[in-house]
Amino acid sequence: MADLFDRWGWEVLYHPLYSPYLIPCDFGFIPKMKEPPRGIRFRTVSVILQAVGRSIQTFNTTGAAKGILQLPHRWQRVLHNAGDYIEGQ
């Protein structure tokens, strides 16, 4: 495989090991957001939207979505470290 990459002029970009501190929001946030309305049958789209809205508000008030708000700070740290992996906060 390395020969093929060399022939085509491709550069292999290695990514850092998995870190539970840096998971994308859809792995942690979306499933948790779906928990409160799980198992409920909704009769209309507007009732679904209200239930999802309440679920999102709960996340915002409990601080469960604070990781998303920290992303711009983390991006700045990555840029400051020339793309090197950062751990934790």
C-alpha atoms as a PDB file:
ATOM      1  CA  MET A   1       0.000   0.000   0.000  1.00  0.00           C
ATOM      2  CA  ALA A   2       2.851   2.398   0.812  1.00  0.00           C
ATOM      3  CA  ASP A   3       4.233   1.938  -2.720  1.00  0.00           C
ATOM      4  CA  LEU A   4       0.894   2.902  -4.216  1.00  0.00           C
ATOM      5  CA  PHE A   5       0.723   6.028  -2.056  1.00  0.00           C
ATOM      6  CA  ASP A   6       4.260   6.996  -3.099  1.00  0.00           C
ATOM      7  CA  ARG A   7       3.487   6.414  -6.772  1.00  0.00           C
ATOM      8  CA  TRP A   8       0.392   8.587  -6.657  1.00  0.00           C
ATOM      9  CA  GLY A   9       2.038  11.240  -4.496  1.00  0.00           C
ATOM     10  CA  TRP A  10      -0.361  10.738  -1.622  1.00  0.00           C
ATOM     11  CA  GLU A  11       0.612  11.640   1.912  1.00  0.00           C
ATOM     12  CA  VAL A  12      -0.577   9.434   4.763  1.00  0.00           C
ATOM     13  CA  LEU A  13      -2.129  11.545   7.492  1.00  0.00           C
ATOM     14  CA  TYR A  14      -2.161   9.767  10.814  1.00  0.00           C
ATOM     15  CA  HIS A  15      -4.858  10.653  13.297  1.00  0.00           C
ATOM     16  CA  PRO A  16      -4.505  10.612  17.072  1.00  0.00           C
ATOM     17  CA  LEU A  17      -5.701   7.728  19.161  1.00  0.00           C
ATOM     18  CA  TYR A  18      -9.317   7.787  20.220  1.00  0.00           C
ATOM     19  CA  SER A  19     -10.048   9.996  23.186  1.00  0.00           C
ATOM     20  CA  PRO A  20     -13.395   9.961  25.012  1.00  0.00           C
ATOM     21  CA  TYR A  21     -12.852  13.660  25.733  1.00  0.00           C
ATOM     22  CA  LEU A  22     -12.957  14.561  22.039  1.00  0.00           C
ATOM     23  CA  ILE A  23     -15.794  12.436  20.667  1.00  0.00           C
ATOM     24  CA  PRO A  24     -18.049  14.029  18.064  1.00  0.00           C
ATOM     25  CA  CYS A  25     -21.321  15.314  19.460  1.00  0.00           C
ATOM     26  CA  ASP A  26     -23.400  12.782  17.546  1.00  0.00           C
ATOM     27  CA  PHE A  27     -21.854   9.921  19.545  1.00  0.00           C
ATOM     28  CA  GLY A  28     -22.720  11.390  22.930  1.00  0.00           C
ATOM     29  CA  PHE A  29     -25.218  14.174  22.484  1.00  0.00           C
ATOM     30  CA  ILE A  30     -27.712  12.828  19.943  1.00  0.00           C
ATOM     31  CA  PRO A  31     -28.419   9.461  21.664  1.00  0.00           C
ATOM     32  CA  LYS A  32     -28.870  11.193  25.035  1.00  0.00           C
ATOM     33  CA  MET A  33     -31.171  13.751  23.460  1.00  0.00           C
ATOM     34  CA  LYS A  34     -33.373  10.911  22.167  1.00  0.00           C
ATOM     35  CA  GLU A  35     -33.717   9.208  25.581  1.00  0.00           C
ATOM     36  CA  PRO A  36     -36.555  11.316  27.100  1.00  0.00           C
ATOM     37  CA  PRO A  37     -39.009  10.854  24.189  1.00  0.00           C
ATOM     38  CA  ARG A  38     -38.042   7.199  23.588  1.00  0.00           C
ATOM     39  CA  GLY A  39     -41.034   4.869  23.602  1.00  0.00           C
ATOM     40  CA  ILE A  40     -43.608   7.640  23.267  1.00  0.00           C
ATOM     41  CA  ARG A  41     -45.996   7.638  20.300  1.00  0.00           C
ATOM     42  CA  PHE A  42     -46.534  11.090  18.870  1.00  0.00           C
ATOM     43  CA  ARG A  43     -49.672  11.970  16.924  1.00  0.00           C
ATOM     44  CA  THR A  44     -48.385  15.033  15.063  1.00  0.00           C
ATOM     45  CA  VAL A  45     -45.121  16.521  13.889  1.00  0.00           C
ATOM     46  CA  SER A  46     -45.657  19.590  16.060  1.00  0.00           C
ATOM     47  CA  VAL A  47     -45.870  17.394  19.182  1.00  0.00           C
ATOM     48  CA  ILE A  48     -42.621  15.676  18.134  1.00  0.00           C
ATOM     49  CA  LEU A  49     -40.925  19.047  17.688  1.00  0.00           C
ATOM     50  CA  GLN A  50     -42.115  20.177  21.122  1.00  0.00           C
ATOM     51  CA  ALA A  51     -40.749  17.006  22.760  1.00  0.00           C
ATOM     52  CA  VAL A  52     -37.387  17.375  21.033  1.00  0.00           C
ATOM     53  CA  GLY A  53     -37.295  21.056  22.004  1.00  0.00           C
ATOM     54  CA  ARG A  54     -37.885  20.161  25.662  1.00  0.00           C
ATOM     55  CA  SER A  55     -35.148  17.549  25.460  1.00  0.00           C
ATOM     56  CA  ILE A  56     -32.679  20.094  24.043  1.00  0.00           C
ATOM     57  CA  GLN A  57     -33.634  22.653  26.695  1.00  0.00           C
ATOM     58  CA  THR A  58     -32.983  20.054  29.395  1.00  0.00           C
ATOM     59  CA  PHE A  59     -29.523  19.457  27.971  1.00  0.00           C
ATOM     60  CA  ASN A  60     -28.806  23.168  27.896  1.00  0.00           C
ATOM     61  CA  THR A  61     -29.923  23.754  31.494  1.00  0.00           C
ATOM     62  CA  THR A  62     -28.152  20.707  32.957  1.00  0.00           C
ATOM     63  CA  GLY A  63     -24.865  21.493  31.218  1.00  0.00           C
ATOM     64  CA  ALA A  64     -24.813  18.183  29.348  1.00  0.00           C
ATOM     65  CA  ALA A  65     -24.043  20.000  26.082  1.00  0.00           C
ATOM     66  CA  LYS A  66     -21.150  22.030  27.488  1.00  0.00           C
ATOM     67  CA  GLY A  67     -18.638  20.027  25.447  1.00  0.00           C
ATOM     68  CA  ILE A  68     -20.000  21.538  22.248  1.00  0.00           C
ATOM     69  CA  LEU A  69     -19.446  25.028  23.636  1.00  0.00           C
ATOM     70  CA  GLN A  70     -15.813  24.112  24.365  1.00  0.00           C
ATOM     71  CA  LEU A  71     -15.075  23.122  20.760  1.00  0.00           C
ATOM     72  CA  PRO A  72     -13.899  26.568  19.548  1.00  0.00           C
ATOM     73  CA  HIS A  73     -11.395  26.693  22.444  1.00  0.00           C
ATOM     74  CA  ARG A  74     -10.129  23.210  21.553  1.00  0.00           C
ATOM     75  CA  TRP A  75      -9.808  24.153  17.881  1.00  0.00           C
ATOM     76  CA  GLN A  76      -7.699  27.158  18.859  1.00  0.00           C
ATOM     77  CA  ARG A  77      -5.439  24.902  20.942  1.00  0.00           C
ATOM     78  CA  VAL A  78      -4.988  22.518  18.016  1.00  0.00           C
ATOM     79  CA  LEU A  79      -4.084  25.440  15.740  1.00  0.00           C
ATOM     80  CA  HIS A  80      -1.693  26.811  18.364  1.00  0.00           C
ATOM     81  CA  ASN A  81      -0.004  23.377  18.587  1.00  0.00           C
ATOM     82  CA  ALA A  82       0.383  23.140  14.789  1.00  0.00           C
ATOM     83  CA  GLY A  83      -2.192  20.362  14.574  1.00  0.00           C
ATOM     84  CA  ASP A  84      -0.634  18.151  17.250  1.00  0.00           C
ATOM     85  CA  TYR A  85      -2.977  16.075  19.364  1.00  0.00           C
ATOM     86  CA  ILE A  86      -4.189  17.585  22.624  1.00  0.00           C
ATOM     87  CA  GLU A  87      -5.519  15.574  25.544  1.00  0.00           C
ATOM     88  CA  GLY A  88      -8.328  16.538  27.893  1.00  0.00           C
ATOM     89  CA  GLN A  89      -9.121  20.193  28.549  1.00  0.00           C
END
